[in-house]
Every structure is written in C-alpha cells, then in structure tokens.
Protein backbone atom coordinates (compact mmCIF):
# COMPACT_ATOMS: atom_id res chain seq x y z
CA UNK A 1 128.67 105.86 128.64
CA UNK A 2 128.14 109.74 128.67
CA UNK A 3 125.29 111.57 130.27
CA UNK A 4 125.45 114.72 127.39
CA UNK A 5 126.05 116.59 130.40
CA UNK A 6 128.85 118.99 129.42
CA UNK A 7 131.74 119.74 131.79
CA UNK A 8 133.95 122.07 129.89
CA UNK A 9 134.26 124.34 126.83
CA UNK A 10 137.71 123.74 125.81
CA UNK A 11 140.05 125.26 123.40
CA UNK A 12 141.44 124.01 120.78
CA UNK A 13 144.74 123.89 120.84
CA UNK A 14 145.66 121.93 117.53
CA UNK A 15 144.92 119.42 114.90
CA UNK A 16 147.13 118.08 113.04
CA UNK A 17 147.41 114.75 111.26
CA UNK A 18 144.47 113.14 112.95
CA UNK A 19 145.90 114.68 116.59
CA UNK A 20 143.53 116.51 118.10
CA UNK A 21 145.02 118.78 121.51
CA UNK A 22 142.72 120.49 123.52
CA UNK A 23 143.75 123.41 126.17
CA UNK A 24 141.27 122.06 129.55
CA UNK A 25 141.02 121.89 133.23
CA UNK A 26 139.85 118.20 132.95
CA UNK A 27 142.24 115.63 134.61
CA UNK A 28 140.81 112.18 132.94
CA UNK A 29 144.28 109.73 132.83
CA UNK A 30 145.98 108.25 129.50
CA UNK A 31 143.42 105.96 127.97
CA UNK A 32 140.19 107.43 129.79
CA UNK A 33 137.18 107.90 127.60
CA UNK A 34 136.04 111.91 126.70
CA UNK A 35 133.25 113.10 124.78
CA UNK A 36 134.43 115.83 122.57
CA UNK A 37 131.63 117.76 121.02
CA UNK A 38 130.07 114.48 121.65
CA UNK A 39 132.61 112.30 119.57
CA UNK A 40 134.01 109.43 122.28
CA UNK A 41 137.58 109.69 122.01
CA UNK A 42 140.67 108.28 124.04
CA UNK A 43 143.36 110.45 125.43
CA UNK A 44 146.63 109.67 124.07
CA UNK A 45 148.40 111.82 126.06
CA UNK A 46 148.31 114.57 128.47
CA UNK A 47 150.63 117.24 129.62
CA UNK A 48 150.20 121.30 131.14
CA UNK A 49 146.76 121.34 131.13
CA UNK A 50 146.35 119.64 127.60
CA UNK A 51 144.86 116.40 126.72
CA UNK A 52 145.85 114.77 123.54
CA UNK A 53 143.73 112.40 121.14
CA UNK A 54 144.02 110.70 118.18
CA UNK A 55 141.04 110.82 115.72
CA UNK A 56 140.33 107.90 112.95
CA UNK A 57 139.08 108.18 109.54
CA UNK A 58 136.08 107.04 110.32
CA UNK A 59 135.16 110.13 112.98
CA UNK A 60 136.30 112.59 110.47
CA UNK A 61 133.79 111.15 107.99
CA UNK A 62 130.86 111.01 110.17
CA UNK A 63 131.52 114.40 112.20
CA UNK A 64 131.71 117.95 111.77
CA UNK A 65 135.22 119.00 111.54
CA UNK A 66 136.35 120.11 114.94
CA UNK A 67 136.23 124.29 116.02
CA UNK A 68 138.50 126.79 118.00
CA UNK A 69 136.33 125.81 121.19
CA UNK A 70 134.88 121.95 122.08
CA UNK A 71 132.46 120.32 124.41
CA UNK A 72 134.02 118.10 126.90
CA UNK A 73 132.12 115.75 129.00
CA UNK A 74 134.43 112.35 130.84
CA UNK A 75 133.06 109.28 130.60
CA UNK A 76 129.93 108.60 133.30
CA UNK A 77 131.26 106.33 136.41
CA UNK A 78 129.24 104.16 138.19
CA UNK A 79 127.16 106.03 140.72
CA UNK A 80 127.79 109.12 139.26
CA UNK A 81 124.24 111.13 138.42
CA UNK A 82 122.40 110.36 134.96
CA UNK A 83 121.40 114.27 134.74
CA UNK A 84 121.02 113.88 130.91
CA UNK A 85 120.15 110.46 129.10
CA UNK A 86 122.56 107.95 127.60
CA UNK A 87 124.95 109.22 124.95
CA UNK A 88 127.80 106.76 123.54
CA UNK A 89 130.02 109.17 122.29
CA UNK A 90 129.31 107.85 118.68
CA UNK A 91 128.43 110.31 115.91
CA UNK A 92 125.25 109.19 114.08
CA UNK A 93 125.76 112.25 111.39
CA UNK A 94 126.08 115.67 111.23
CA UNK A 95 122.86 118.82 110.93
CA UNK A 96 122.57 122.09 109.95
CA UNK A 97 121.31 125.19 112.33
CA UNK A 98 118.24 126.26 110.37
CA UNK A 99 117.12 129.07 112.63
CA UNK A 100 118.30 130.35 115.95
CA UNK A 101 114.87 132.22 117.54
CA UNK A 102 115.14 134.04 120.51
CA UNK A 103 112.25 132.84 123.46
CA UNK A 104 112.92 134.92 126.72
CA UNK A 105 116.67 134.11 128.33
CA UNK A 106 116.61 131.05 125.63
CA UNK A 107 116.56 130.13 121.99
CA UNK A 108 114.62 127.83 120.02
CA UNK A 109 117.10 126.49 117.35
CA UNK A 110 116.01 124.18 113.96
CA UNK A 111 118.26 121.96 112.96
CA UNK A 112 117.47 120.32 109.71
CA UNK A 113 118.79 116.80 109.77
CA UNK A 114 119.00 113.65 107.41
CA UNK A 115 116.09 111.10 107.29
CA UNK A 116 118.39 108.42 108.80
CA UNK A 117 118.66 111.10 112.09
CA UNK A 118 115.37 112.35 112.12
CA UNK A 119 113.55 108.51 111.55
CA UNK A 120 114.89 108.09 115.27
CA UNK A 121 113.14 111.33 116.43
CA UNK A 122 110.44 111.88 118.16
CA UNK A 123 108.85 114.93 120.13
CA UNK A 124 110.12 115.22 123.65
CA UNK A 125 113.09 112.28 122.96
CA UNK A 126 116.04 112.78 123.77
CA UNK A 127 119.07 113.82 121.20
CA UNK A 128 122.45 115.35 121.26
CA UNK A 129 123.89 117.91 119.68
CA UNK A 130 127.65 118.38 119.97
CA UNK A 131 127.53 116.33 122.68
CA UNK A 132 124.47 118.20 124.88
CA UNK A 133 121.90 116.09 125.55
CA UNK A 134 118.58 118.13 124.88
CA UNK A 135 115.13 117.31 124.69
CA UNK A 136 112.99 117.43 120.91
CA UNK A 137 110.68 120.49 121.23
CA UNK A 138 109.31 120.18 117.98
CA UNK A 139 109.95 117.83 114.74
CA UNK A 140 108.89 118.21 111.18
CA UNK A 141 109.77 115.95 107.87
CA UNK A 142 113.15 118.22 107.65
CA UNK A 143 114.53 118.98 110.79
CA UNK A 144 113.84 119.06 114.89
CA UNK A 145 113.89 122.35 117.21
CA UNK A 146 115.18 122.17 120.76
CA UNK A 147 114.92 124.96 123.43
CA UNK A 148 118.37 126.08 124.89
CA UNK A 149 118.12 127.35 128.11
CA UNK A 150 120.49 130.12 129.48
CA UNK A 151 122.85 127.86 131.32
CA UNK A 152 123.05 125.50 128.59
CA UNK A 153 123.91 128.90 126.22
CA UNK A 154 127.05 129.93 128.52
CA UNK A 155 128.15 126.27 129.10
CA UNK A 156 128.52 124.87 125.85
CA UNK A 157 129.56 126.25 122.54
CA UNK A 158 125.63 125.94 121.04
CA UNK A 159 125.62 129.51 123.27
CA UNK A 160 127.67 130.53 119.69
CA UNK A 161 125.28 128.92 117.00
CA UNK A 162 125.11 130.63 114.04
CA UNK A 163 122.20 129.95 111.14
CA UNK A 164 124.22 127.29 108.42
CA UNK A 165 126.99 126.09 111.03
CA UNK A 166 126.95 122.26 111.16
CA UNK A 167 126.50 120.08 114.31
CA UNK A 168 127.41 116.74 115.44
CA UNK A 169 124.50 114.29 115.98
CA UNK A 170 123.58 110.90 118.47
CA UNK A 171 120.00 109.68 118.57
CA UNK A 172 118.83 108.15 121.23
CA UNK A 173 120.34 104.70 121.16
CA UNK A 174 117.20 102.78 123.04
CA UNK A 175 115.31 104.28 119.63
CA UNK A 176 117.84 101.98 117.50
CA UNK A 177 117.37 99.28 119.99
CA UNK A 178 113.51 99.22 119.73
CA UNK A 179 113.68 99.26 116.15
CA UNK A 180 116.07 96.21 115.88
CA UNK A 181 113.94 94.43 118.11
CA UNK A 182 110.45 95.54 116.34
CA UNK A 183 112.03 94.67 112.90
CA UNK A 184 112.23 90.67 113.98
C-alpha cells in the first residue's frame, strides 16, 4: 500500500529482459515493495546505490514504458502519515497528456483517458498519475484535469510532461469497491 507521495525521482540505469535497475538513495530491503511510476514492484536486488526489480509481462501490458527518470515511493508502514490517498500500485491503464497550461506558478494538465478509467473519476476525487496522488480538478467525457503545484513539478517527473506523453493511471480503489457493492 502506498500514498502517492513520491519520495524520490530516480534515474533508470537499465531495463533489459524484464530487469529494471534504478539509481536511488532510498534504502528498502530485498523483498520490499516500491512504487515505480505508480507500479508496485518488489526489490529483487540492491547494491551500490541501485535497486533492481523484475517486471512481469502483465505490468508491461498495462503500464507505459519506463523513461529515463521514474517516481519512487516506498511502501506505507503502520504509523506513517497518509498525505495522499490509498494507492495500491496496481496500474489500471494509461492516459495521454492532452494539454499543459500554465496557471501562475503551477500547471493545469489535461489527461485523456479511456472510458474504463474515466468511469471512476469524479471532480475533486483522487487519482494516481505516474504514482503521484492528485486531485481531479475538472472532468469531461474524454479527459480529466489536474493542477500541479510547484512542489509536485519539482519533486516528481510530472514537471517535465509534454503534450502526447503517456502516463500511468490508477483510479481510487474505493470507487471500485463502491461500484462492486452497488451492483449487488
């Protein structure tokens, strides 16, 4: 379980045959969970300031390809503050950056998403974008908008998003449970 509060932007050292290696100052142990751009991965090896993860075909089918930099968050521990929202690290799919508009010191970003993602989106609800907990600021039939404050722009990879970029999306798991229970 994660909160969507990124702990570090990390450089990808390599990604070969399903083995992802990132340079990081974070210090989780082998077997610990780490969200990498919102994808829950298990630390398979660690050495010399790097963490290695084995990425499954299911992950590759649902998530965007890893870029040169990734957002990292270690798993939530009992007693840690819940600054974002409950994020599982189970990416539901991808979206595409449809617009990036300056708003003072922040950016308003439109993310085009498929209907199976948008059906769980509500204005002022939560969504994880590349592992970052964000509030939905606007919603249409084809997209949702988020406002990125200066801290988010500096502390995460979202500060370098451009028109047409793909992003990992995870909807609020509570919305899925509500839908399931209401269907009964």
